[in-house]
Amino acid sequence: MAADGPSWVRAANDFATVTLPESDCDVVRDLLIAERSGVVIEIGLAYGSSALAIGEALISVGGDRHVIIDPFQDSEFRDSGWESIRSAQLDGISVLLRERSQIALPRLAVEGMSADAAFVDGSHLFHNVFVDLFYLQMIVRPGGLVILDDYWWPGVATAARYYETNLGWQPHKLVNGTPGRVCVLRLPDSPVTLNFKELTPFWPGAV
């Protein structure tokens, strides 16, 4: 994938613009292997680079479930990412939900899904990211990881910062990868109890 690109692209240079770079894919793969993550949920498939890295990690540790959510895989990407998953024979452990994450995640939470980690690279609008993370805290096990791509976008960083400052999600340092791009947060071992009378400021410029 890194050398030849996907079988189809929307426009010239779109693959390089949209996809997670190879070095960052390696970082995500190695992190999930080190964590021995057996179940991973991913938001956003696009051309499938990060999904291939996650699939490789799952196979390496004997993992058995990779849930991918992407409502635009067909309409925007002509199933290019899913075809990459199938070509790598990872569709045996992977399932693609073709709907918005803000709709799919509540259902998965109600169904009792539990994941060891999540990779978030869907909408970069603040309110969508915030809702994704709200439901992921119900799905990702205590002490599990939430990995965010494009943390340098303000909507992503601001939404994540609420969970850092108010709910005890702790940054997990990455040794390699593109500086400022991927952020890894570890959920607390025990949920944080909030007081509705208090709110720690988390938005840009907050004192």
N, C-alpha and C. Protein backbone atom coordinates (compact mmCIF):
# COMPACT_ATOMS: atom_id res chain seq x y z
N MET A 1 0.83 -1.21 0.00
CA MET A 1 0.00 0.00 0.00
C MET A 1 0.87 1.25 0.00
N ALA A 2 1.87 1.30 0.87
CA ALA A 2 2.72 2.48 0.96
C ALA A 2 3.48 2.71 -0.34
N ALA A 3 3.91 1.63 -0.98
CA ALA A 3 4.72 1.76 -2.19
C ALA A 3 3.88 2.01 -3.43
N ASP A 4 2.77 1.31 -3.57
CA ASP A 4 1.99 1.36 -4.80
C ASP A 4 0.70 2.16 -4.69
N GLY A 5 0.26 2.43 -3.47
CA GLY A 5 -0.99 3.14 -3.30
C GLY A 5 -2.19 2.23 -3.50
N PRO A 6 -3.40 2.74 -3.32
CA PRO A 6 -4.60 1.93 -3.49
C PRO A 6 -4.93 1.71 -4.96
N SER A 7 -5.89 0.84 -5.20
CA SER A 7 -6.29 0.54 -6.58
C SER A 7 -7.02 1.68 -7.25
N TRP A 8 -7.57 2.58 -6.46
CA TRP A 8 -8.34 3.72 -6.99
C TRP A 8 -8.22 4.89 -6.04
N VAL A 9 -8.12 6.11 -6.59
CA VAL A 9 -8.08 7.32 -5.77
C VAL A 9 -9.07 8.34 -6.32
N ARG A 10 -9.56 9.21 -5.46
CA ARG A 10 -10.52 10.22 -5.88
C ARG A 10 -9.90 11.27 -6.77
N ALA A 11 -8.64 11.60 -6.49
CA ALA A 11 -7.94 12.63 -7.26
C ALA A 11 -6.45 12.46 -7.03
N ALA A 12 -5.66 13.09 -7.89
CA ALA A 12 -4.20 13.02 -7.74
C ALA A 12 -3.80 13.53 -6.36
N ASN A 13 -2.89 12.82 -5.72
CA ASN A 13 -2.34 13.17 -4.40
C ASN A 13 -3.35 12.99 -3.25
N ASP A 14 -4.56 12.50 -3.55
CA ASP A 14 -5.54 12.34 -2.47
C ASP A 14 -5.11 11.29 -1.47
N PHE A 15 -4.47 10.22 -1.95
CA PHE A 15 -4.01 9.17 -1.05
C PHE A 15 -3.01 9.72 -0.04
N ALA A 16 -2.05 10.49 -0.53
CA ALA A 16 -1.03 11.06 0.36
C ALA A 16 -1.65 12.06 1.34
N THR A 17 -2.70 12.75 0.89
CA THR A 17 -3.34 13.75 1.74
C THR A 17 -4.20 13.12 2.83
N VAL A 18 -4.93 12.08 2.47
CA VAL A 18 -5.93 11.51 3.36
C VAL A 18 -5.38 10.42 4.28
N THR A 19 -4.52 9.58 3.75
CA THR A 19 -4.14 8.36 4.48
C THR A 19 -3.15 8.64 5.62
N LEU A 20 -3.15 7.74 6.59
CA LEU A 20 -2.15 7.82 7.67
C LEU A 20 -0.81 7.39 7.09
N PRO A 21 0.25 8.21 7.25
CA PRO A 21 1.56 7.87 6.68
C PRO A 21 2.08 6.52 7.18
N GLU A 22 2.93 5.91 6.38
CA GLU A 22 3.45 4.58 6.71
C GLU A 22 4.12 4.55 8.08
N SER A 23 4.92 5.58 8.39
CA SER A 23 5.62 5.58 9.67
C SER A 23 4.64 5.62 10.84
N ASP A 24 3.55 6.35 10.69
CA ASP A 24 2.55 6.42 11.76
C ASP A 24 1.75 5.13 11.84
N CYS A 25 1.51 4.49 10.69
CA CYS A 25 0.87 3.17 10.70
C CYS A 25 1.71 2.18 11.49
N ASP A 26 3.02 2.23 11.30
CA ASP A 26 3.91 1.34 12.04
C ASP A 26 3.84 1.60 13.54
N VAL A 27 3.73 2.88 13.91
CA VAL A 27 3.65 3.24 15.32
C VAL A 27 2.37 2.69 15.93
N VAL A 28 1.25 2.86 15.22
CA VAL A 28 -0.03 2.35 15.71
C VAL A 28 0.01 0.83 15.82
N ARG A 29 0.53 0.17 14.79
CA ARG A 29 0.64 -1.29 14.81
C ARG A 29 1.46 -1.77 16.01
N ASP A 30 2.63 -1.19 16.20
CA ASP A 30 3.52 -1.62 17.28
C ASP A 30 2.92 -1.35 18.65
N LEU A 31 2.19 -0.24 18.78
CA LEU A 31 1.55 0.09 20.05
C LEU A 31 0.47 -0.94 20.38
N LEU A 32 -0.35 -1.29 19.41
CA LEU A 32 -1.41 -2.27 19.65
C LEU A 32 -0.84 -3.65 19.95
N ILE A 33 0.26 -3.99 19.30
CA ILE A 33 0.92 -5.26 19.60
C ILE A 33 1.45 -5.26 21.03
N ALA A 34 2.10 -4.17 21.42
CA ALA A 34 2.64 -4.06 22.78
C ALA A 34 1.53 -4.15 23.82
N GLU A 35 0.36 -3.61 23.49
CA GLU A 35 -0.78 -3.64 24.41
C GLU A 35 -1.52 -4.97 24.35
N ARG A 36 -1.18 -5.78 23.34
CA ARG A 36 -1.85 -7.05 23.10
C ARG A 36 -3.36 -6.85 22.95
N SER A 37 -3.70 -5.89 22.14
CA SER A 37 -5.11 -5.56 21.91
C SER A 37 -5.76 -6.63 21.03
N GLY A 38 -6.84 -7.22 21.52
CA GLY A 38 -7.52 -8.28 20.80
C GLY A 38 -8.75 -7.83 20.05
N VAL A 39 -9.33 -6.71 20.50
CA VAL A 39 -10.52 -6.14 19.86
C VAL A 39 -10.28 -4.65 19.68
N VAL A 40 -10.43 -4.17 18.45
CA VAL A 40 -10.19 -2.75 18.15
C VAL A 40 -11.37 -2.21 17.34
N ILE A 41 -11.80 -1.01 17.66
CA ILE A 41 -12.83 -0.33 16.89
C ILE A 41 -12.18 0.85 16.19
N GLU A 42 -12.50 1.03 14.92
CA GLU A 42 -11.89 2.08 14.11
C GLU A 42 -12.97 2.94 13.47
N ILE A 43 -12.79 4.25 13.53
CA ILE A 43 -13.72 5.19 12.92
C ILE A 43 -13.03 5.85 11.74
N GLY A 44 -13.54 5.59 10.53
CA GLY A 44 -12.95 6.13 9.32
C GLY A 44 -12.05 5.10 8.66
N LEU A 45 -12.40 4.71 7.43
CA LEU A 45 -11.62 3.70 6.71
C LEU A 45 -10.83 4.31 5.56
N ALA A 46 -11.49 5.16 4.76
CA ALA A 46 -10.85 5.80 3.60
C ALA A 46 -10.14 4.77 2.73
N TYR A 47 -8.82 4.92 2.54
CA TYR A 47 -8.08 4.00 1.68
C TYR A 47 -7.56 2.76 2.41
N GLY A 48 -7.70 2.74 3.73
CA GLY A 48 -7.43 1.52 4.47
C GLY A 48 -6.05 1.35 5.05
N SER A 49 -5.20 2.36 5.01
CA SER A 49 -3.83 2.19 5.53
C SER A 49 -3.81 1.87 7.03
N SER A 50 -4.53 2.66 7.81
CA SER A 50 -4.54 2.41 9.25
C SER A 50 -5.23 1.09 9.56
N ALA A 51 -6.25 0.74 8.78
CA ALA A 51 -6.95 -0.53 9.01
C ALA A 51 -6.03 -1.72 8.76
N LEU A 52 -5.17 -1.62 7.77
CA LEU A 52 -4.21 -2.70 7.51
C LEU A 52 -3.23 -2.83 8.67
N ALA A 53 -2.79 -1.69 9.21
CA ALA A 53 -1.87 -1.72 10.35
C ALA A 53 -2.54 -2.34 11.57
N ILE A 54 -3.79 -1.97 11.80
CA ILE A 54 -4.54 -2.53 12.93
C ILE A 54 -4.76 -4.03 12.73
N GLY A 55 -5.11 -4.41 11.50
CA GLY A 55 -5.31 -5.83 11.21
C GLY A 55 -4.04 -6.64 11.42
N GLU A 56 -2.90 -6.08 11.02
CA GLU A 56 -1.62 -6.77 11.23
C GLU A 56 -1.36 -6.97 12.71
N ALA A 57 -1.67 -5.93 13.51
CA ALA A 57 -1.46 -6.03 14.95
C ALA A 57 -2.36 -7.11 15.55
N LEU A 58 -3.61 -7.13 15.14
CA LEU A 58 -4.55 -8.12 15.68
C LEU A 58 -4.11 -9.54 15.35
N ILE A 59 -3.70 -9.77 14.11
CA ILE A 59 -3.25 -11.09 13.71
C ILE A 59 -2.01 -11.50 14.52
N SER A 60 -1.13 -10.54 14.78
CA SER A 60 0.12 -10.82 15.50
C SER A 60 -0.12 -11.30 16.92
N VAL A 61 -1.18 -10.81 17.56
CA VAL A 61 -1.43 -11.17 18.96
C VAL A 61 -2.60 -12.13 19.12
N GLY A 62 -3.13 -12.62 18.00
CA GLY A 62 -4.25 -13.55 18.08
C GLY A 62 -5.57 -12.86 18.33
N GLY A 63 -5.66 -11.57 17.98
CA GLY A 63 -6.92 -10.84 18.12
C GLY A 63 -7.97 -11.35 17.14
N ASP A 64 -9.22 -11.04 17.44
CA ASP A 64 -10.27 -11.65 16.62
C ASP A 64 -11.39 -10.70 16.19
N ARG A 65 -11.27 -9.40 16.47
CA ARG A 65 -12.37 -8.53 16.08
C ARG A 65 -11.89 -7.11 15.78
N HIS A 66 -12.20 -6.65 14.58
CA HIS A 66 -11.87 -5.30 14.14
C HIS A 66 -13.14 -4.69 13.55
N VAL A 67 -13.76 -3.80 14.29
CA VAL A 67 -14.99 -3.16 13.85
C VAL A 67 -14.64 -1.81 13.25
N ILE A 68 -15.00 -1.63 11.98
CA ILE A 68 -14.68 -0.39 11.25
C ILE A 68 -15.99 0.33 10.91
N ILE A 69 -16.02 1.62 11.17
CA ILE A 69 -17.21 2.42 10.89
C ILE A 69 -16.88 3.48 9.85
N ASP A 70 -17.59 3.48 8.74
CA ASP A 70 -17.35 4.48 7.69
C ASP A 70 -18.57 4.56 6.76
N PRO A 71 -19.34 5.65 6.86
CA PRO A 71 -20.54 5.79 6.02
C PRO A 71 -20.22 6.19 4.59
N PHE A 72 -18.98 6.58 4.32
CA PHE A 72 -18.61 7.11 3.01
C PHE A 72 -17.70 6.18 2.22
N GLN A 73 -17.52 4.94 2.70
CA GLN A 73 -16.60 4.03 2.03
C GLN A 73 -17.04 3.75 0.59
N ASP A 74 -18.32 3.63 0.38
CA ASP A 74 -18.84 3.38 -0.97
C ASP A 74 -18.94 4.67 -1.78
N SER A 75 -19.61 5.67 -1.23
CA SER A 75 -19.90 6.88 -1.99
C SER A 75 -18.67 7.73 -2.27
N GLU A 76 -17.71 7.75 -1.36
CA GLU A 76 -16.53 8.60 -1.52
C GLU A 76 -15.29 7.84 -1.99
N PHE A 77 -15.19 6.57 -1.63
CA PHE A 77 -13.95 5.83 -1.88
C PHE A 77 -14.13 4.56 -2.72
N ARG A 78 -15.35 4.34 -3.21
CA ARG A 78 -15.63 3.19 -4.08
C ARG A 78 -15.12 1.87 -3.48
N ASP A 79 -15.21 1.77 -2.17
CA ASP A 79 -14.79 0.57 -1.44
C ASP A 79 -13.30 0.26 -1.57
N SER A 80 -12.51 1.25 -1.89
CA SER A 80 -11.07 1.03 -2.05
C SER A 80 -10.44 0.50 -0.76
N GLY A 81 -10.81 1.10 0.37
CA GLY A 81 -10.24 0.64 1.64
C GLY A 81 -10.69 -0.76 2.00
N TRP A 82 -11.97 -1.04 1.78
CA TRP A 82 -12.48 -2.37 2.11
C TRP A 82 -11.87 -3.43 1.21
N GLU A 83 -11.64 -3.09 -0.05
CA GLU A 83 -10.99 -4.04 -0.96
C GLU A 83 -9.57 -4.34 -0.50
N SER A 84 -8.89 -3.35 0.08
CA SER A 84 -7.55 -3.59 0.61
C SER A 84 -7.60 -4.57 1.78
N ILE A 85 -8.62 -4.43 2.62
CA ILE A 85 -8.81 -5.36 3.74
C ILE A 85 -9.05 -6.77 3.22
N ARG A 86 -9.90 -6.87 2.22
CA ARG A 86 -10.22 -8.19 1.67
C ARG A 86 -9.00 -8.81 0.96
N SER A 87 -8.24 -7.98 0.25
CA SER A 87 -7.06 -8.49 -0.44
C SER A 87 -6.02 -9.02 0.54
N ALA A 88 -5.97 -8.42 1.71
CA ALA A 88 -5.03 -8.87 2.75
C ALA A 88 -5.61 -10.03 3.56
N GLN A 89 -6.81 -10.48 3.19
CA GLN A 89 -7.49 -11.59 3.88
C GLN A 89 -7.72 -11.28 5.36
N LEU A 90 -8.04 -10.02 5.61
CA LEU A 90 -8.35 -9.61 6.97
C LEU A 90 -9.84 -9.49 7.21
N ASP A 91 -10.65 -9.76 6.18
CA ASP A 91 -12.09 -9.63 6.34
C ASP A 91 -12.68 -10.72 7.24
N GLY A 92 -11.88 -11.74 7.56
CA GLY A 92 -12.35 -12.76 8.49
C GLY A 92 -12.48 -12.25 9.91
N ILE A 93 -11.70 -11.23 10.27
CA ILE A 93 -11.79 -10.65 11.61
C ILE A 93 -12.35 -9.24 11.59
N SER A 94 -12.62 -8.72 10.40
CA SER A 94 -13.07 -7.33 10.26
C SER A 94 -14.52 -7.26 9.81
N VAL A 95 -15.21 -6.25 10.29
CA VAL A 95 -16.58 -5.98 9.84
C VAL A 95 -16.67 -4.48 9.56
N LEU A 96 -17.34 -4.11 8.48
CA LEU A 96 -17.50 -2.71 8.11
C LEU A 96 -18.94 -2.29 8.34
N LEU A 97 -19.14 -1.29 9.17
CA LEU A 97 -20.47 -0.70 9.40
C LEU A 97 -20.55 0.57 8.58
N ARG A 98 -21.45 0.59 7.61
CA ARG A 98 -21.55 1.71 6.68
C ARG A 98 -22.56 2.74 7.18
N GLU A 99 -22.25 3.33 8.29
CA GLU A 99 -23.12 4.34 8.88
C GLU A 99 -22.28 5.32 9.69
N ARG A 100 -22.89 6.40 10.07
CA ARG A 100 -22.15 7.42 10.84
C ARG A 100 -21.82 6.88 12.23
N SER A 101 -20.63 7.23 12.67
CA SER A 101 -20.19 6.73 13.98
C SER A 101 -21.08 7.24 15.10
N GLN A 102 -21.65 8.44 14.94
CA GLN A 102 -22.51 8.99 15.99
C GLN A 102 -23.82 8.21 16.11
N ILE A 103 -24.13 7.40 15.10
CA ILE A 103 -25.30 6.53 15.14
C ILE A 103 -24.90 5.11 15.55
N ALA A 104 -23.79 4.62 15.00
CA ALA A 104 -23.36 3.25 15.25
C ALA A 104 -22.84 3.04 16.67
N LEU A 105 -22.08 3.99 17.19
CA LEU A 105 -21.46 3.79 18.50
C LEU A 105 -22.47 3.62 19.64
N PRO A 106 -23.54 4.43 19.69
CA PRO A 106 -24.52 4.20 20.76
C PRO A 106 -25.12 2.79 20.70
N ARG A 107 -25.38 2.29 19.51
CA ARG A 107 -25.93 0.95 19.38
C ARG A 107 -24.94 -0.10 19.88
N LEU A 108 -23.65 0.06 19.50
CA LEU A 108 -22.63 -0.88 19.95
C LEU A 108 -22.49 -0.85 21.47
N ALA A 109 -22.62 0.34 22.04
CA ALA A 109 -22.54 0.46 23.50
C ALA A 109 -23.71 -0.26 24.17
N VAL A 110 -24.90 -0.09 23.62
CA VAL A 110 -26.08 -0.76 24.17
C VAL A 110 -25.95 -2.27 24.03
N GLU A 111 -25.35 -2.72 22.93
CA GLU A 111 -25.17 -4.16 22.71
C GLU A 111 -24.10 -4.76 23.60
N GLY A 112 -23.37 -3.89 24.31
CA GLY A 112 -22.37 -4.38 25.26
C GLY A 112 -21.01 -4.65 24.67
N MET A 113 -20.71 -4.06 23.50
CA MET A 113 -19.40 -4.28 22.92
C MET A 113 -18.30 -3.77 23.84
N SER A 114 -17.23 -4.52 23.93
CA SER A 114 -16.06 -4.10 24.69
C SER A 114 -14.83 -4.19 23.79
N ALA A 115 -14.03 -3.13 23.76
CA ALA A 115 -12.82 -3.10 22.93
C ALA A 115 -11.62 -2.77 23.80
N ASP A 116 -10.47 -3.21 23.33
CA ASP A 116 -9.22 -2.88 24.03
C ASP A 116 -8.68 -1.52 23.61
N ALA A 117 -9.02 -1.11 22.40
CA ALA A 117 -8.50 0.15 21.88
C ALA A 117 -9.42 0.66 20.77
N ALA A 118 -9.29 1.95 20.49
CA ALA A 118 -10.04 2.57 19.40
C ALA A 118 -9.11 3.48 18.62
N PHE A 119 -9.32 3.53 17.31
CA PHE A 119 -8.58 4.45 16.44
C PHE A 119 -9.60 5.38 15.82
N VAL A 120 -9.44 6.68 16.03
CA VAL A 120 -10.44 7.67 15.63
C VAL A 120 -9.89 8.55 14.53
N ASP A 121 -10.48 8.45 13.35
CA ASP A 121 -10.09 9.29 12.21
C ASP A 121 -11.31 9.50 11.31
N GLY A 122 -12.39 9.96 11.92
CA GLY A 122 -13.62 10.22 11.18
C GLY A 122 -13.81 11.71 10.97
N SER A 123 -14.95 12.21 11.37
CA SER A 123 -15.21 13.64 11.28
C SER A 123 -14.24 14.39 12.18
N HIS A 124 -13.81 15.56 11.71
CA HIS A 124 -12.92 16.39 12.52
C HIS A 124 -13.65 17.59 13.13
N LEU A 125 -14.98 17.61 12.99
CA LEU A 125 -15.78 18.65 13.63
C LEU A 125 -15.87 18.38 15.12
N PHE A 126 -15.73 19.43 15.92
CA PHE A 126 -15.69 19.28 17.37
C PHE A 126 -16.83 18.44 17.91
N HIS A 127 -18.07 18.78 17.53
CA HIS A 127 -19.21 18.11 18.15
C HIS A 127 -19.26 16.63 17.77
N ASN A 128 -18.84 16.29 16.56
CA ASN A 128 -18.82 14.88 16.16
C ASN A 128 -17.74 14.10 16.91
N VAL A 129 -16.56 14.70 17.03
CA VAL A 129 -15.47 14.03 17.76
C VAL A 129 -15.86 13.86 19.23
N PHE A 130 -16.47 14.89 19.80
CA PHE A 130 -16.88 14.84 21.20
C PHE A 130 -17.85 13.69 21.44
N VAL A 131 -18.83 13.54 20.53
CA VAL A 131 -19.81 12.46 20.67
C VAL A 131 -19.14 11.09 20.48
N ASP A 132 -18.23 11.00 19.50
CA ASP A 132 -17.50 9.74 19.31
C ASP A 132 -16.79 9.33 20.59
N LEU A 133 -16.09 10.26 21.20
CA LEU A 133 -15.33 9.95 22.41
C LEU A 133 -16.26 9.63 23.59
N PHE A 134 -17.40 10.29 23.63
CA PHE A 134 -18.37 10.03 24.70
C PHE A 134 -18.79 8.57 24.70
N TYR A 135 -19.10 8.05 23.52
CA TYR A 135 -19.54 6.66 23.44
C TYR A 135 -18.38 5.68 23.49
N LEU A 136 -17.22 6.10 23.02
CA LEU A 136 -16.06 5.21 23.10
C LEU A 136 -15.65 4.94 24.54
N GLN A 137 -15.89 5.90 25.44
CA GLN A 137 -15.56 5.65 26.84
C GLN A 137 -16.44 4.55 27.44
N MET A 138 -17.59 4.28 26.79
CA MET A 138 -18.45 3.18 27.23
C MET A 138 -18.03 1.85 26.62
N ILE A 139 -17.31 1.92 25.51
CA ILE A 139 -16.94 0.72 24.76
C ILE A 139 -15.52 0.26 25.06
N VAL A 140 -14.58 1.18 25.08
CA VAL A 140 -13.19 0.83 25.38
C VAL A 140 -13.05 0.51 26.86
N ARG A 141 -12.45 -0.59 27.15
CA ARG A 141 -12.33 -1.07 28.54
C ARG A 141 -11.52 -0.10 29.39
N PRO A 142 -11.72 -0.11 30.70
CA PRO A 142 -10.89 0.70 31.60
C PRO A 142 -9.41 0.37 31.39
N GLY A 143 -8.61 1.41 31.27
CA GLY A 143 -7.19 1.22 31.03
C GLY A 143 -6.84 1.04 29.57
N GLY A 144 -7.87 0.99 28.69
CA GLY A 144 -7.62 0.83 27.26
C GLY A 144 -7.20 2.13 26.62
N LEU A 145 -6.95 2.07 25.31
CA LEU A 145 -6.41 3.22 24.59
C LEU A 145 -7.39 3.78 23.57
N VAL A 146 -7.36 5.10 23.44
CA VAL A 146 -8.04 5.79 22.34
C VAL A 146 -6.96 6.54 21.57
N ILE A 147 -6.82 6.20 20.30
CA ILE A 147 -5.80 6.80 19.43
C ILE A 147 -6.49 7.75 18.46
N LEU A 148 -6.06 8.99 18.43
CA LEU A 148 -6.67 9.99 17.55
C LEU A 148 -5.69 10.43 16.47
N ASP A 149 -6.13 10.35 15.22
CA ASP A 149 -5.36 10.90 14.12
C ASP A 149 -5.73 12.37 13.94
N ASP A 150 -4.83 13.13 13.32
CA ASP A 150 -5.06 14.55 13.03
C ASP A 150 -5.36 15.36 14.29
N TYR A 151 -4.62 15.07 15.35
CA TYR A 151 -4.79 15.80 16.61
C TYR A 151 -4.45 17.28 16.44
N TRP A 152 -3.74 17.60 15.38
CA TRP A 152 -3.36 19.01 15.15
C TRP A 152 -4.53 19.86 14.68
N TRP A 153 -5.67 19.23 14.32
CA TRP A 153 -6.86 20.01 13.97
C TRP A 153 -7.58 20.44 15.24
N PRO A 154 -8.01 21.71 15.33
CA PRO A 154 -8.56 22.23 16.58
C PRO A 154 -9.79 21.49 17.09
N GLY A 155 -10.68 21.05 16.18
CA GLY A 155 -11.86 20.34 16.63
C GLY A 155 -11.53 19.03 17.31
N VAL A 156 -10.51 18.34 16.81
CA VAL A 156 -10.09 17.05 17.38
C VAL A 156 -9.42 17.28 18.73
N ALA A 157 -8.46 18.19 18.76
CA ALA A 157 -7.71 18.44 19.99
C ALA A 157 -8.59 18.97 21.12
N THR A 158 -9.51 19.88 20.78
CA THR A 158 -10.37 20.48 21.80
C THR A 158 -11.32 19.45 22.39
N ALA A 159 -11.90 18.63 21.53
CA ALA A 159 -12.80 17.58 22.03
C ALA A 159 -12.05 16.62 22.95
N ALA A 160 -10.87 16.20 22.52
CA ALA A 160 -10.09 15.26 23.32
C ALA A 160 -9.66 15.88 24.65
N ARG A 161 -9.39 17.18 24.63
CA ARG A 161 -8.90 17.84 25.84
C ARG A 161 -9.94 17.82 26.96
N TYR A 162 -11.22 17.82 26.60
CA TYR A 162 -12.24 17.72 27.64
C TYR A 162 -12.06 16.43 28.44
N TYR A 163 -11.83 15.35 27.74
CA TYR A 163 -11.70 14.05 28.40
C TYR A 163 -10.39 13.94 29.19
N GLU A 164 -9.39 14.67 28.74
CA GLU A 164 -8.13 14.71 29.48
C GLU A 164 -8.29 15.50 30.77
N THR A 165 -8.91 16.68 30.68
CA THR A 165 -8.96 17.58 31.83
C THR A 165 -10.08 17.25 32.81
N ASN A 166 -11.14 16.61 32.34
CA ASN A 166 -12.30 16.37 33.20
C ASN A 166 -12.55 14.90 33.54
N LEU A 167 -12.09 13.99 32.70
CA LEU A 167 -12.41 12.58 32.93
C LEU A 167 -11.18 11.70 33.14
N GLY A 168 -10.03 12.31 33.28
CA GLY A 168 -8.85 11.56 33.69
C GLY A 168 -8.18 10.73 32.61
N TRP A 169 -8.46 11.02 31.33
CA TRP A 169 -7.74 10.32 30.26
C TRP A 169 -6.31 10.83 30.24
N GLN A 170 -5.35 9.91 30.21
CA GLN A 170 -3.95 10.28 30.32
C GLN A 170 -3.21 10.12 29.00
N PRO A 171 -2.42 11.15 28.61
CA PRO A 171 -1.63 11.02 27.38
C PRO A 171 -0.62 9.88 27.49
N HIS A 172 -0.49 9.13 26.43
CA HIS A 172 0.48 8.04 26.34
C HIS A 172 1.52 8.46 25.31
N LYS A 173 2.74 8.63 25.74
CA LYS A 173 3.78 9.18 24.87
C LYS A 173 4.16 8.20 23.76
N LEU A 174 4.27 8.75 22.55
CA LEU A 174 4.75 7.98 21.41
C LEU A 174 6.19 8.36 21.11
N VAL A 175 7.02 7.37 20.85
CA VAL A 175 8.43 7.63 20.61
C VAL A 175 8.65 8.13 19.19
N ASN A 176 7.95 7.53 18.23
CA ASN A 176 8.14 7.88 16.83
C ASN A 176 6.85 8.43 16.24
N GLY A 177 6.85 8.61 14.92
CA GLY A 177 5.65 9.12 14.26
C GLY A 177 5.76 10.59 13.94
N THR A 178 4.80 11.08 13.17
CA THR A 178 4.78 12.49 12.78
C THR A 178 4.47 13.36 13.98
N PRO A 179 5.34 14.32 14.32
CA PRO A 179 5.11 15.16 15.50
C PRO A 179 3.75 15.87 15.43
N GLY A 180 2.98 15.73 16.50
CA GLY A 180 1.71 16.45 16.62
C GLY A 180 0.54 15.81 15.90
N ARG A 181 0.77 14.75 15.16
CA ARG A 181 -0.33 14.18 14.35
C ARG A 181 -1.18 13.18 15.14
N VAL A 182 -0.56 12.18 15.71
CA VAL A 182 -1.28 11.13 16.41
C VAL A 182 -1.20 11.35 17.92
N CYS A 183 -2.34 11.30 18.57
CA CYS A 183 -2.40 11.44 20.03
C CYS A 183 -2.98 10.15 20.60
N VAL A 184 -2.34 9.64 21.64
CA VAL A 184 -2.81 8.42 22.29
C VAL A 184 -3.21 8.77 23.72
N LEU A 185 -4.42 8.39 24.10
CA LEU A 185 -4.92 8.64 25.44
C LEU A 185 -5.32 7.32 26.09
N ARG A 186 -4.95 7.16 27.35
CA ARG A 186 -5.30 5.95 28.09
C ARG A 186 -6.45 6.26 29.05
N LEU A 187 -7.48 5.46 28.99
CA LEU A 187 -8.60 5.63 29.90
C LEU A 187 -8.20 5.24 31.32
N PRO A 188 -8.79 5.89 32.32
CA PRO A 188 -8.45 5.53 33.70
C PRO A 188 -8.94 4.12 34.04
N ASP A 189 -8.32 3.52 35.03
CA ASP A 189 -8.72 2.19 35.46
C ASP A 189 -10.10 2.19 36.11
N SER A 190 -10.46 3.32 36.69
CA SER A 190 -11.79 3.48 37.28
C SER A 190 -12.40 4.77 36.75
N PRO A 191 -13.67 4.76 36.35
CA PRO A 191 -14.30 5.97 35.82
C PRO A 191 -14.25 7.12 36.83
N VAL A 192 -14.04 8.32 36.31
CA VAL A 192 -14.00 9.52 37.15
C VAL A 192 -15.42 9.99 37.42
N THR A 193 -15.73 10.27 38.68
CA THR A 193 -17.05 10.79 39.05
C THR A 193 -17.03 12.31 38.99
N LEU A 194 -17.93 12.89 38.20
CA LEU A 194 -17.95 14.34 38.02
C LEU A 194 -18.97 15.01 38.93
N ASN A 195 -18.68 16.25 39.28
CA ASN A 195 -19.61 17.12 40.00
C ASN A 195 -20.20 18.08 38.99
N PHE A 196 -21.52 18.06 38.81
CA PHE A 196 -22.12 18.90 37.78
C PHE A 196 -21.95 20.39 38.05
N LYS A 197 -21.54 20.74 39.25
CA LYS A 197 -21.33 22.15 39.58
C LYS A 197 -19.95 22.64 39.14
N GLU A 198 -19.10 21.72 38.70
CA GLU A 198 -17.74 22.09 38.34
C GLU A 198 -17.42 21.64 36.93
N LEU A 199 -16.58 22.41 36.26
CA LEU A 199 -16.09 22.06 34.92
C LEU A 199 -14.71 22.66 34.75
N THR A 200 -13.74 21.80 34.53
CA THR A 200 -12.39 22.29 34.28
C THR A 200 -12.32 22.80 32.84
N PRO A 201 -11.94 24.07 32.63
CA PRO A 201 -11.87 24.62 31.27
C PRO A 201 -10.96 23.80 30.37
N PHE A 202 -11.40 23.56 29.15
CA PHE A 202 -10.64 22.73 28.22
C PHE A 202 -10.52 23.33 26.84
N TRP A 203 -11.24 24.42 26.58
CA TRP A 203 -11.24 25.01 25.25
C TRP A 203 -10.02 25.90 25.03
N PRO A 204 -9.65 26.15 23.79
CA PRO A 204 -8.47 26.98 23.48
C PRO A 204 -8.58 28.35 24.15
N GLY A 205 -7.52 28.77 24.80
CA GLY A 205 -7.49 30.08 25.45
C GLY A 205 -8.06 30.08 26.84
N ALA A 206 -8.57 28.93 27.31
CA ALA A 206 -9.14 28.87 28.66
C ALA A 206 -8.04 29.04 29.70
N VAL A 207 -8.37 29.74 30.75
CA VAL A 207 -7.41 29.97 31.83
C VAL A 207 -7.54 28.85 32.86
